[in-house]
Each structure stands twice: as C-alpha cells, then as structure tokens.
Amino acid sequence: MVRVLLLLFASTPIAFAADESHGGGIVPEWLSHGDTNTAFLAMATFLLIVWRAGGFKLITGALDNRANAIQAQLEEAKDLREAAAKLLAEAERRQREADEEAKAIVTQAKKDAEIFRKEARKSLEQRLARREAIAEARIKQAETDAAAEVRRAAADTATRAAEQILSSADSTDHFESAAAQIEKALN
C-alpha cells in the first residue's frame, strides 16, 4: 500500500506538467486536471496519515474483535445446542426407563393379583371344606343323637309295655310280644 501511495505521489508532478498544450498523452486524462490532482493528493495524504497513526489497525482490530465476538457467540451457541441435545437425550432415556418401569410394575401387579386370586380361591376352598366337615360332623352327631333318642324312647316304651304286660295275668305271651317290638324298633 505504501508503494502504491509513493508511486502516486511521484506521478503527481508529471500530471501537473502535462496538459494538452504540451503534447499530453503521457498521463491519463483524469490526472491532467488540477482540481483532481489536488483532491487526489489530499486523499492520499489523509490515507497516509491514517495509516501512520494506526487507524487501519484500529479499524481492522475493531473488525477482528467483532468477528471474534461473533465467533465466540457461535461457539457458545454450538455448546448450548450440544448441551440441550444431551439434556434431551437424557430426558428421553429417563422417559424410556420410566415407561419400562411402569410396564414392569403393571406386569408384577398382574402376577401378584393372579397369585392373590389363587390364594384366595384356595383359602375359600379350605374354609368351605372345613365348614362342610363341621356340618357333616354336626349332621352325624345329630343322627347319632336322634338314634340314641329313638332307642331311649323305644326302650322307655318297651319298659312301660313290659310293666303293663307283667302286671297283667298273661305276662308270658306279652313278654315275648314286647321283646319282638323292641327288636323291631332297634332295627
């Protein structure tokens, strides 16, 4: 850049000397105007001063800083995106685990319910069997008691009949008849 500016400064006096009256043709036409040359020299001087003062470094530094800030924001956004992806994956993994755990709980509950149902049925069958056995024992006892009551009643009746027969004159025939009745009642 410095070389270009020096080349332009060096060609400026030629531009002042060249005009159409001196044959021209050496310098391009746009450099042959005095106002143009002055404006060009002013601009070249300004750019040289800015360059020497470090203005271009300041501008490029500011642009570099801005570019670095944008790059840092992009990297931060990338990091945040990766972190969000990790969190999403973790949430999805936890959701799958929760679903599997819920299925396992339901399956276990069904198994437990089936076991409980079988145990309840078995317990009910055992209770019914005990009650049936108790009822049968009571029925047998009632039958035994009834049979004993019938025997007692038959024995009492036979005893009364025997007393009546013995108290009568013809007791031998009546005794045999009462014994037959007792035997008949016992069978």
N, C-alpha and C. Protein backbone atom coordinates (compact mmCIF):
# COMPACT_ATOMS: atom_id res chain seq x y z
N MET A 1 0.83 -1.19 0.00
CA MET A 1 0.00 0.00 0.00
C MET A 1 0.88 1.26 0.00
N VAL A 2 1.94 1.20 0.80
CA VAL A 2 2.85 2.36 0.86
C VAL A 2 3.49 2.58 -0.52
N ARG A 3 3.84 1.50 -1.18
CA ARG A 3 4.46 1.63 -2.51
C ARG A 3 3.51 2.27 -3.51
N VAL A 4 2.23 1.89 -3.42
CA VAL A 4 1.25 2.47 -4.35
C VAL A 4 1.13 3.96 -4.09
N LEU A 5 1.09 4.35 -2.81
CA LEU A 5 0.97 5.77 -2.49
C LEU A 5 2.20 6.55 -2.96
N LEU A 6 3.38 5.96 -2.77
CA LEU A 6 4.60 6.62 -3.23
C LEU A 6 4.61 6.76 -4.76
N LEU A 7 4.16 5.74 -5.43
CA LEU A 7 4.09 5.81 -6.90
C LEU A 7 3.13 6.91 -7.34
N LEU A 8 2.01 7.03 -6.64
CA LEU A 8 1.05 8.07 -7.00
C LEU A 8 1.60 9.46 -6.71
N PHE A 9 2.30 9.60 -5.58
CA PHE A 9 2.91 10.91 -5.28
C PHE A 9 3.97 11.27 -6.32
N ALA A 10 4.68 10.27 -6.73
CA ALA A 10 5.74 10.54 -7.71
C ALA A 10 5.17 10.93 -9.07
N SER A 11 4.03 10.43 -9.39
CA SER A 11 3.46 10.75 -10.71
C SER A 11 2.66 12.05 -10.70
N THR A 12 2.40 12.63 -9.55
CA THR A 12 1.60 13.85 -9.47
C THR A 12 2.27 15.04 -10.14
N PRO A 13 3.55 15.29 -9.94
CA PRO A 13 4.16 16.44 -10.64
C PRO A 13 4.08 16.30 -12.15
N ILE A 14 4.18 15.10 -12.62
CA ILE A 14 4.06 14.88 -14.06
C ILE A 14 2.69 15.26 -14.52
N ALA A 15 1.69 14.96 -13.69
CA ALA A 15 0.32 15.28 -14.06
C ALA A 15 0.12 16.78 -14.13
N PHE A 16 0.79 17.54 -13.24
CA PHE A 16 0.64 18.98 -13.31
C PHE A 16 1.29 19.53 -14.58
N ALA A 17 2.39 18.94 -14.97
CA ALA A 17 3.12 19.46 -16.14
C ALA A 17 2.43 19.06 -17.43
N ALA A 18 1.74 17.98 -17.41
CA ALA A 18 1.14 17.52 -18.65
C ALA A 18 -0.23 18.12 -18.80
N ASP A 19 -0.42 18.78 -19.81
CA ASP A 19 -1.75 19.22 -20.20
C ASP A 19 -1.80 19.16 -21.70
N GLU A 20 -2.80 19.60 -22.32
CA GLU A 20 -2.96 19.44 -23.76
C GLU A 20 -2.02 20.35 -24.55
N SER A 21 -1.56 21.39 -23.94
CA SER A 21 -0.67 22.31 -24.65
C SER A 21 0.73 21.73 -24.80
N HIS A 22 1.12 20.81 -23.94
CA HIS A 22 2.47 20.24 -24.01
C HIS A 22 2.49 18.90 -24.71
N GLY A 23 1.53 18.55 -25.37
CA GLY A 23 1.51 17.31 -26.13
C GLY A 23 0.77 16.21 -25.41
N GLY A 24 0.64 16.25 -24.13
CA GLY A 24 -0.13 15.28 -23.36
C GLY A 24 0.20 13.86 -23.70
N GLY A 25 -0.64 13.01 -23.40
CA GLY A 25 -0.52 11.63 -23.74
C GLY A 25 0.28 10.80 -22.76
N ILE A 26 1.13 11.37 -21.93
CA ILE A 26 1.94 10.58 -21.01
C ILE A 26 1.10 10.18 -19.79
N VAL A 27 0.29 11.08 -19.29
CA VAL A 27 -0.51 10.85 -18.09
C VAL A 27 -1.95 10.66 -18.53
N PRO A 28 -2.63 9.81 -17.85
CA PRO A 28 -4.05 9.64 -18.20
C PRO A 28 -4.80 10.93 -18.01
N GLU A 29 -5.87 11.04 -18.70
CA GLU A 29 -6.62 12.29 -18.72
C GLU A 29 -7.17 12.66 -17.35
N TRP A 30 -7.54 11.72 -16.55
CA TRP A 30 -8.14 12.04 -15.26
C TRP A 30 -7.13 12.64 -14.31
N LEU A 31 -5.84 12.41 -14.57
CA LEU A 31 -4.82 13.04 -13.74
C LEU A 31 -4.38 14.41 -14.30
N SER A 32 -4.88 14.78 -15.40
CA SER A 32 -4.45 16.03 -16.03
C SER A 32 -5.21 17.23 -15.53
N HIS A 33 -6.19 17.08 -14.71
CA HIS A 33 -6.96 18.21 -14.16
C HIS A 33 -6.36 18.62 -12.83
N GLY A 34 -6.19 19.87 -12.59
CA GLY A 34 -5.57 20.40 -11.38
C GLY A 34 -6.40 20.11 -10.14
N ASP A 35 -7.69 20.27 -10.24
CA ASP A 35 -8.57 20.01 -9.08
C ASP A 35 -8.53 18.54 -8.71
N THR A 36 -8.50 17.73 -9.71
CA THR A 36 -8.47 16.29 -9.48
C THR A 36 -7.17 15.92 -8.79
N ASN A 37 -6.08 16.49 -9.25
CA ASN A 37 -4.79 16.20 -8.65
C ASN A 37 -4.75 16.66 -7.19
N THR A 38 -5.29 17.81 -6.91
CA THR A 38 -5.30 18.33 -5.54
C THR A 38 -6.13 17.43 -4.64
N ALA A 39 -7.29 17.04 -5.12
CA ALA A 39 -8.17 16.16 -4.34
C ALA A 39 -7.49 14.81 -4.12
N PHE A 40 -6.80 14.36 -5.15
CA PHE A 40 -6.10 13.08 -5.03
C PHE A 40 -4.98 13.16 -4.02
N LEU A 41 -4.21 14.24 -4.09
CA LEU A 41 -3.13 14.42 -3.13
C LEU A 41 -3.65 14.56 -1.70
N ALA A 42 -4.75 15.25 -1.54
CA ALA A 42 -5.35 15.41 -0.21
C ALA A 42 -5.80 14.05 0.33
N MET A 43 -6.40 13.28 -0.53
CA MET A 43 -6.89 11.97 -0.09
C MET A 43 -5.70 11.06 0.20
N ALA A 44 -4.70 11.08 -0.64
CA ALA A 44 -3.52 10.24 -0.43
C ALA A 44 -2.82 10.65 0.86
N THR A 45 -2.73 11.94 1.12
CA THR A 45 -2.12 12.43 2.35
C THR A 45 -2.94 11.99 3.56
N PHE A 46 -4.23 12.10 3.46
CA PHE A 46 -5.12 11.67 4.55
C PHE A 46 -4.95 10.18 4.83
N LEU A 47 -4.94 9.37 3.78
CA LEU A 47 -4.78 7.92 3.96
C LEU A 47 -3.42 7.59 4.56
N LEU A 48 -2.38 8.35 4.15
CA LEU A 48 -1.05 8.14 4.71
C LEU A 48 -1.03 8.49 6.19
N ILE A 49 -1.66 9.58 6.56
CA ILE A 49 -1.72 9.99 7.97
C ILE A 49 -2.49 8.95 8.79
N VAL A 50 -3.60 8.50 8.23
CA VAL A 50 -4.40 7.48 8.93
C VAL A 50 -3.57 6.22 9.11
N TRP A 51 -2.84 5.86 8.06
CA TRP A 51 -2.01 4.64 8.14
C TRP A 51 -0.92 4.80 9.18
N ARG A 52 -0.23 5.93 9.20
CA ARG A 52 0.86 6.18 10.13
C ARG A 52 0.34 6.27 11.57
N ALA A 53 -0.84 6.80 11.73
CA ALA A 53 -1.41 6.94 13.07
C ALA A 53 -1.97 5.60 13.58
N GLY A 54 -2.03 4.59 12.72
CA GLY A 54 -2.55 3.28 13.13
C GLY A 54 -4.06 3.18 13.00
N GLY A 55 -4.63 4.01 12.22
CA GLY A 55 -6.09 4.00 12.02
C GLY A 55 -6.58 2.72 11.36
N PHE A 56 -5.79 2.23 10.39
CA PHE A 56 -6.21 1.00 9.72
C PHE A 56 -6.14 -0.19 10.68
N LYS A 57 -5.11 -0.17 11.54
CA LYS A 57 -5.01 -1.23 12.54
C LYS A 57 -6.19 -1.16 13.50
N LEU A 58 -6.58 0.07 13.84
CA LEU A 58 -7.72 0.25 14.73
C LEU A 58 -9.00 -0.27 14.09
N ILE A 59 -9.19 0.07 12.82
CA ILE A 59 -10.40 -0.39 12.11
C ILE A 59 -10.37 -1.90 11.95
N THR A 60 -9.22 -2.43 11.47
CA THR A 60 -9.15 -3.89 11.29
C THR A 60 -9.22 -4.60 12.64
N GLY A 61 -8.63 -3.98 13.68
CA GLY A 61 -8.71 -4.57 15.02
C GLY A 61 -10.15 -4.61 15.51
N ALA A 62 -10.88 -3.51 15.26
CA ALA A 62 -12.29 -3.48 15.67
C ALA A 62 -13.08 -4.53 14.90
N LEU A 63 -12.79 -4.64 13.61
CA LEU A 63 -13.48 -5.67 12.81
C LEU A 63 -13.10 -7.08 13.27
N ASP A 64 -11.80 -7.26 13.59
CA ASP A 64 -11.37 -8.56 14.10
C ASP A 64 -12.02 -8.86 15.45
N ASN A 65 -12.09 -7.85 16.30
CA ASN A 65 -12.76 -8.05 17.60
C ASN A 65 -14.22 -8.43 17.42
N ARG A 66 -14.86 -7.73 16.50
CA ARG A 66 -16.28 -8.04 16.22
C ARG A 66 -16.41 -9.47 15.68
N ALA A 67 -15.50 -9.83 14.76
CA ALA A 67 -15.53 -11.19 14.20
C ALA A 67 -15.26 -12.22 15.29
N ASN A 68 -14.32 -11.93 16.20
CA ASN A 68 -14.03 -12.84 17.31
C ASN A 68 -15.23 -12.97 18.25
N ALA A 69 -15.90 -11.84 18.51
CA ALA A 69 -17.08 -11.86 19.37
C ALA A 69 -18.18 -12.71 18.73
N ILE A 70 -18.36 -12.53 17.44
CA ILE A 70 -19.38 -13.32 16.72
C ILE A 70 -19.01 -14.80 16.75
N GLN A 71 -17.72 -15.09 16.54
CA GLN A 71 -17.25 -16.48 16.58
C GLN A 71 -17.48 -17.08 17.97
N ALA A 72 -17.19 -16.29 19.01
CA ALA A 72 -17.40 -16.77 20.38
C ALA A 72 -18.88 -17.05 20.63
N GLN A 73 -19.75 -16.16 20.12
CA GLN A 73 -21.19 -16.37 20.27
C GLN A 73 -21.63 -17.63 19.53
N LEU A 74 -21.07 -17.84 18.34
CA LEU A 74 -21.40 -19.04 17.58
C LEU A 74 -20.95 -20.31 18.32
N GLU A 75 -19.74 -20.25 18.89
CA GLU A 75 -19.25 -21.40 19.65
C GLU A 75 -20.09 -21.63 20.90
N GLU A 76 -20.48 -20.53 21.55
CA GLU A 76 -21.34 -20.66 22.73
C GLU A 76 -22.69 -21.26 22.34
N ALA A 77 -23.23 -20.79 21.23
CA ALA A 77 -24.50 -21.34 20.75
C ALA A 77 -24.35 -22.83 20.42
N LYS A 78 -23.20 -23.18 19.82
CA LYS A 78 -22.95 -24.58 19.50
C LYS A 78 -22.87 -25.41 20.77
N ASP A 79 -22.16 -24.88 21.79
CA ASP A 79 -22.06 -25.58 23.07
C ASP A 79 -23.43 -25.73 23.73
N LEU A 80 -24.20 -24.65 23.68
CA LEU A 80 -25.55 -24.71 24.25
C LEU A 80 -26.42 -25.72 23.51
N ARG A 81 -26.26 -25.76 22.20
CA ARG A 81 -27.03 -26.70 21.40
C ARG A 81 -26.65 -28.14 21.75
N GLU A 82 -25.33 -28.38 21.91
CA GLU A 82 -24.87 -29.71 22.30
C GLU A 82 -25.38 -30.08 23.69
N ALA A 83 -25.34 -29.10 24.60
CA ALA A 83 -25.83 -29.36 25.96
C ALA A 83 -27.33 -29.65 25.94
N ALA A 84 -28.07 -28.91 25.12
CA ALA A 84 -29.51 -29.14 25.00
C ALA A 84 -29.77 -30.52 24.40
N ALA A 85 -28.96 -30.92 23.42
CA ALA A 85 -29.12 -32.24 22.83
C ALA A 85 -28.85 -33.33 23.86
N LYS A 86 -27.81 -33.11 24.70
CA LYS A 86 -27.52 -34.08 25.76
C LYS A 86 -28.67 -34.16 26.76
N LEU A 87 -29.20 -32.99 27.13
CA LEU A 87 -30.33 -32.98 28.07
C LEU A 87 -31.55 -33.66 27.48
N LEU A 88 -31.78 -33.42 26.20
CA LEU A 88 -32.91 -34.06 25.53
C LEU A 88 -32.72 -35.57 25.50
N ALA A 89 -31.51 -36.02 25.17
CA ALA A 89 -31.23 -37.45 25.15
C ALA A 89 -31.41 -38.06 26.54
N GLU A 90 -30.95 -37.33 27.55
CA GLU A 90 -31.10 -37.81 28.93
C GLU A 90 -32.58 -37.88 29.32
N ALA A 91 -33.34 -36.87 28.94
CA ALA A 91 -34.78 -36.86 29.24
C ALA A 91 -35.48 -38.02 28.52
N GLU A 92 -35.10 -38.25 27.28
CA GLU A 92 -35.71 -39.36 26.53
C GLU A 92 -35.33 -40.70 27.16
N ARG A 93 -34.07 -40.82 27.61
CA ARG A 93 -33.64 -42.06 28.26
C ARG A 93 -34.43 -42.28 29.55
N ARG A 94 -34.59 -41.21 30.32
CA ARG A 94 -35.36 -41.32 31.56
C ARG A 94 -36.82 -41.67 31.28
N GLN A 95 -37.36 -41.12 30.21
CA GLN A 95 -38.75 -41.42 29.84
C GLN A 95 -38.87 -42.90 29.48
N ARG A 96 -37.90 -43.41 28.71
CA ARG A 96 -37.93 -44.83 28.35
C ARG A 96 -37.82 -45.70 29.60
N GLU A 97 -36.92 -45.32 30.51
CA GLU A 97 -36.77 -46.08 31.76
C GLU A 97 -38.05 -46.05 32.58
N ALA A 98 -38.69 -44.88 32.63
CA ALA A 98 -39.95 -44.76 33.38
C ALA A 98 -41.03 -45.62 32.73
N ASP A 99 -41.08 -45.63 31.40
CA ASP A 99 -42.05 -46.47 30.71
C ASP A 99 -41.80 -47.95 31.00
N GLU A 100 -40.52 -48.35 30.94
CA GLU A 100 -40.18 -49.74 31.23
C GLU A 100 -40.51 -50.10 32.67
N GLU A 101 -40.23 -49.17 33.58
CA GLU A 101 -40.53 -49.42 34.98
C GLU A 101 -42.04 -49.52 35.21
N ALA A 102 -42.79 -48.67 34.53
CA ALA A 102 -44.25 -48.72 34.65
C ALA A 102 -44.77 -50.05 34.11
N LYS A 103 -44.22 -50.50 32.98
CA LYS A 103 -44.64 -51.79 32.43
C LYS A 103 -44.30 -52.92 33.39
N ALA A 104 -43.11 -52.84 33.99
CA ALA A 104 -42.71 -53.87 34.95
C ALA A 104 -43.62 -53.87 36.17
N ILE A 105 -44.01 -52.68 36.62
CA ILE A 105 -44.92 -52.58 37.77
C ILE A 105 -46.27 -53.19 37.43
N VAL A 106 -46.77 -52.88 36.23
CA VAL A 106 -48.07 -53.42 35.81
C VAL A 106 -47.98 -54.94 35.70
N THR A 107 -46.90 -55.44 35.10
CA THR A 107 -46.73 -56.88 34.97
C THR A 107 -46.66 -57.54 36.34
N GLN A 108 -45.89 -56.95 37.25
CA GLN A 108 -45.77 -57.51 38.60
C GLN A 108 -47.12 -57.46 39.32
N ALA A 109 -47.85 -56.36 39.12
CA ALA A 109 -49.17 -56.24 39.76
C ALA A 109 -50.11 -57.33 39.24
N LYS A 110 -50.04 -57.62 37.94
CA LYS A 110 -50.88 -58.68 37.37
C LYS A 110 -50.50 -60.04 37.96
N LYS A 111 -49.18 -60.27 38.08
CA LYS A 111 -48.73 -61.54 38.67
C LYS A 111 -49.19 -61.64 40.12
N ASP A 112 -49.01 -60.53 40.87
CA ASP A 112 -49.43 -60.53 42.27
C ASP A 112 -50.93 -60.74 42.40
N ALA A 113 -51.70 -60.11 41.51
CA ALA A 113 -53.15 -60.28 41.54
C ALA A 113 -53.53 -61.73 41.25
N GLU A 114 -52.85 -62.36 40.31
CA GLU A 114 -53.13 -63.75 39.98
C GLU A 114 -52.80 -64.66 41.16
N ILE A 115 -51.64 -64.39 41.80
CA ILE A 115 -51.26 -65.17 42.98
C ILE A 115 -52.27 -64.96 44.10
N PHE A 116 -52.67 -63.71 44.32
CA PHE A 116 -53.66 -63.40 45.35
C PHE A 116 -54.98 -64.09 45.06
N ARG A 117 -55.38 -64.08 43.77
CA ARG A 117 -56.64 -64.73 43.39
C ARG A 117 -56.57 -66.23 43.66
N LYS A 118 -55.43 -66.85 43.30
CA LYS A 118 -55.28 -68.29 43.54
C LYS A 118 -55.29 -68.60 45.03
N GLU A 119 -54.57 -67.77 45.81
CA GLU A 119 -54.53 -67.98 47.25
C GLU A 119 -55.92 -67.78 47.87
N ALA A 120 -56.64 -66.77 47.39
CA ALA A 120 -57.99 -66.52 47.90
C ALA A 120 -58.91 -67.69 47.57
N ARG A 121 -58.79 -68.19 46.34
CA ARG A 121 -59.62 -69.33 45.94
C ARG A 121 -59.28 -70.55 46.80
N LYS A 122 -57.97 -70.80 46.99
CA LYS A 122 -57.54 -71.93 47.80
C LYS A 122 -58.03 -71.78 49.25
N SER A 123 -57.88 -70.55 49.79
CA SER A 123 -58.35 -70.29 51.15
C SER A 123 -59.86 -70.48 51.26
N LEU A 124 -60.59 -70.01 50.26
CA LEU A 124 -62.04 -70.18 50.26
C LEU A 124 -62.42 -71.66 50.19
N GLU A 125 -61.70 -72.40 49.35
CA GLU A 125 -61.98 -73.83 49.24
C GLU A 125 -61.68 -74.54 50.55
N GLN A 126 -60.60 -74.12 51.22
CA GLN A 126 -60.26 -74.73 52.51
C GLN A 126 -61.33 -74.39 53.56
N ARG A 127 -61.77 -73.14 53.58
CA ARG A 127 -62.83 -72.75 54.53
C ARG A 127 -64.11 -73.52 54.26
N LEU A 128 -64.45 -73.62 52.97
CA LEU A 128 -65.67 -74.37 52.62
C LEU A 128 -65.53 -75.84 53.03
N ALA A 129 -64.34 -76.41 52.81
CA ALA A 129 -64.12 -77.81 53.18
C ALA A 129 -64.25 -77.97 54.70
N ARG A 130 -63.67 -77.02 55.47
CA ARG A 130 -63.78 -77.10 56.93
C ARG A 130 -65.23 -76.97 57.37
N ARG A 131 -65.93 -76.01 56.78
CA ARG A 131 -67.34 -75.82 57.16
C ARG A 131 -68.18 -77.04 56.78
N GLU A 132 -67.84 -77.61 55.61
CA GLU A 132 -68.56 -78.81 55.17
C GLU A 132 -68.28 -79.96 56.14
N ALA A 133 -67.02 -80.10 56.55
CA ALA A 133 -66.65 -81.15 57.50
C ALA A 133 -67.36 -80.92 58.84
N ILE A 134 -67.40 -79.64 59.29
CA ILE A 134 -68.09 -79.32 60.54
C ILE A 134 -69.58 -79.64 60.40
N ALA A 135 -70.16 -79.27 59.25
CA ALA A 135 -71.59 -79.52 59.03
C ALA A 135 -71.86 -81.03 59.00
N GLU A 136 -70.99 -81.78 58.33
CA GLU A 136 -71.17 -83.24 58.28
C GLU A 136 -71.04 -83.84 59.68
N ALA A 137 -70.06 -83.31 60.45
CA ALA A 137 -69.89 -83.82 61.82
C ALA A 137 -71.13 -83.51 62.65
N ARG A 138 -71.69 -82.33 62.48
CA ARG A 138 -72.91 -81.97 63.22
C ARG A 138 -74.08 -82.85 62.79
N ILE A 139 -74.14 -83.09 61.48
CA ILE A 139 -75.23 -83.95 60.98
C ILE A 139 -75.09 -85.36 61.57
N LYS A 140 -73.84 -85.88 61.57
CA LYS A 140 -73.63 -87.22 62.14
C LYS A 140 -73.97 -87.24 63.62
N GLN A 141 -73.55 -86.16 64.29
CA GLN A 141 -73.86 -86.07 65.72
C GLN A 141 -75.36 -86.00 65.93
N ALA A 142 -76.03 -85.21 65.07
CA ALA A 142 -77.49 -85.11 65.19
C ALA A 142 -78.13 -86.46 64.89
N GLU A 143 -77.59 -87.17 63.89
CA GLU A 143 -78.14 -88.51 63.58
C GLU A 143 -77.91 -89.45 64.76
N THR A 144 -76.68 -89.37 65.32
CA THR A 144 -76.36 -90.23 66.46
C THR A 144 -77.26 -89.90 67.65
N ASP A 145 -77.42 -88.58 67.89
CA ASP A 145 -78.30 -88.16 68.99
C ASP A 145 -79.74 -88.60 68.74
N ALA A 146 -80.18 -88.45 67.48
CA ALA A 146 -81.56 -88.84 67.15
C ALA A 146 -81.73 -90.35 67.32
N ALA A 147 -80.72 -91.12 66.87
CA ALA A 147 -80.82 -92.58 67.00
C ALA A 147 -80.84 -92.97 68.47
N ALA A 148 -80.00 -92.31 69.26
CA ALA A 148 -79.98 -92.61 70.70
C ALA A 148 -81.30 -92.23 71.33
N GLU A 149 -81.86 -91.10 70.91
CA GLU A 149 -83.16 -90.67 71.44
C GLU A 149 -84.25 -91.65 71.07
N VAL A 150 -84.16 -92.12 69.82
CA VAL A 150 -85.17 -93.12 69.39
C VAL A 150 -85.01 -94.40 70.21
N ARG A 151 -83.79 -94.81 70.45
CA ARG A 151 -83.56 -96.03 71.24
C ARG A 151 -84.07 -95.85 72.66
N ARG A 152 -83.78 -94.67 73.23
CA ARG A 152 -84.26 -94.42 74.58
C ARG A 152 -85.80 -94.45 74.62
N ALA A 153 -86.34 -93.76 73.60
CA ALA A 153 -87.81 -93.74 73.56
C ALA A 153 -88.36 -95.15 73.38
N ALA A 154 -87.69 -95.92 72.51
CA ALA A 154 -88.15 -97.30 72.29
C ALA A 154 -87.98 -98.13 73.56
N ALA A 155 -86.82 -97.90 74.25
CA ALA A 155 -86.58 -98.65 75.48
C ALA A 155 -87.61 -98.26 76.55
N ASP A 156 -87.90 -96.95 76.62
CA ASP A 156 -88.91 -96.50 77.59
C ASP A 156 -90.27 -97.09 77.26
N THR A 157 -90.59 -97.07 75.99
CA THR A 157 -91.89 -97.62 75.58
C THR A 157 -91.93 -99.12 75.86
N ALA A 158 -90.81 -99.78 75.56
CA ALA A 158 -90.77 -101.22 75.80
C ALA A 158 -90.87 -101.52 77.29
N THR A 159 -90.18 -100.66 78.07
CA THR A 159 -90.22 -100.88 79.52
C THR A 159 -91.64 -100.69 80.04
N ARG A 160 -92.32 -99.68 79.60
CA ARG A 160 -93.70 -99.45 80.03
C ARG A 160 -94.62 -100.59 79.57
N ALA A 161 -94.34 -100.99 78.34
CA ALA A 161 -95.17 -102.09 77.83
C ALA A 161 -94.91 -103.35 78.64
N ALA A 162 -93.65 -103.55 79.01
CA ALA A 162 -93.33 -104.74 79.79
C ALA A 162 -93.97 -104.66 81.17
N GLU A 163 -93.97 -103.49 81.74
CA GLU A 163 -94.59 -103.34 83.05
C GLU A 163 -96.08 -103.64 82.97
N GLN A 164 -96.68 -103.17 81.92
CA GLN A 164 -98.11 -103.42 81.78
C GLN A 164 -98.38 -104.90 81.56
N ILE A 165 -97.53 -105.48 80.80
CA ILE A 165 -97.75 -106.89 80.49
C ILE A 165 -97.50 -107.73 81.76
N LEU A 166 -96.44 -107.37 82.47
CA LEU A 166 -96.12 -108.14 83.66
C LEU A 166 -97.19 -107.94 84.74
N SER A 167 -97.73 -106.80 84.75
CA SER A 167 -98.77 -106.58 85.74
C SER A 167 -100.05 -107.31 85.35
N SER A 168 -100.21 -107.68 84.15
CA SER A 168 -101.38 -108.45 83.78
C SER A 168 -101.12 -109.93 83.97
N ALA A 169 -102.15 -110.76 83.97
CA ALA A 169 -102.07 -112.17 84.28
C ALA A 169 -101.38 -112.96 83.20
N ASP A 170 -101.52 -112.61 82.07
CA ASP A 170 -100.97 -113.39 80.97
C ASP A 170 -99.65 -112.77 80.54
N SER A 171 -98.69 -112.73 81.38
CA SER A 171 -97.47 -111.98 81.17
C SER A 171 -96.49 -112.67 80.25
N THR A 172 -96.48 -113.91 80.11
CA THR A 172 -95.50 -114.60 79.30
C THR A 172 -95.71 -114.30 77.84
N ASP A 173 -96.91 -114.31 77.36
CA ASP A 173 -97.15 -114.03 75.94
C ASP A 173 -96.88 -112.56 75.62
N HIS A 174 -97.22 -111.79 76.54
CA HIS A 174 -96.98 -110.35 76.32
C HIS A 174 -95.49 -110.02 76.35
N PHE A 175 -94.75 -110.77 77.19
CA PHE A 175 -93.31 -110.51 77.27
C PHE A 175 -92.64 -110.81 75.94
N GLU A 176 -93.00 -111.87 75.32
CA GLU A 176 -92.43 -112.22 74.03
C GLU A 176 -92.85 -111.22 72.96
N SER A 177 -94.03 -110.77 73.02
CA SER A 177 -94.53 -109.77 72.06
C SER A 177 -93.81 -108.46 72.25
N ALA A 178 -93.52 -108.03 73.50
CA ALA A 178 -92.80 -106.79 73.77
C ALA A 178 -91.35 -106.91 73.33
N ALA A 179 -90.74 -108.06 73.55
CA ALA A 179 -89.36 -108.26 73.12
C ALA A 179 -89.27 -108.17 71.60
N ALA A 180 -90.24 -108.67 70.90
CA ALA A 180 -90.27 -108.59 69.44
C ALA A 180 -90.41 -107.13 68.99
N GLN A 181 -91.23 -106.37 69.69
CA GLN A 181 -91.39 -104.96 69.35
C GLN A 181 -90.10 -104.17 69.57
N ILE A 182 -89.39 -104.49 70.68
CA ILE A 182 -88.12 -103.82 70.97
C ILE A 182 -87.11 -104.14 69.89
N GLU A 183 -87.05 -105.40 69.53
CA GLU A 183 -86.11 -105.81 68.50
C GLU A 183 -86.45 -105.13 67.17
N LYS A 184 -87.69 -105.01 66.88
CA LYS A 184 -88.16 -104.36 65.66
C LYS A 184 -87.83 -102.88 65.66
N ALA A 185 -87.96 -102.20 66.81
CA ALA A 185 -87.68 -100.77 66.93
C ALA A 185 -86.17 -100.50 66.83
N LEU A 186 -85.34 -101.41 67.29
CA LEU A 186 -83.91 -101.21 67.25
C LEU A 186 -83.34 -101.38 65.83
N ASN A 187 -83.99 -102.15 65.05
CA ASN A 187 -83.52 -102.36 63.68
C ASN A 187 -84.13 -101.32 62.81
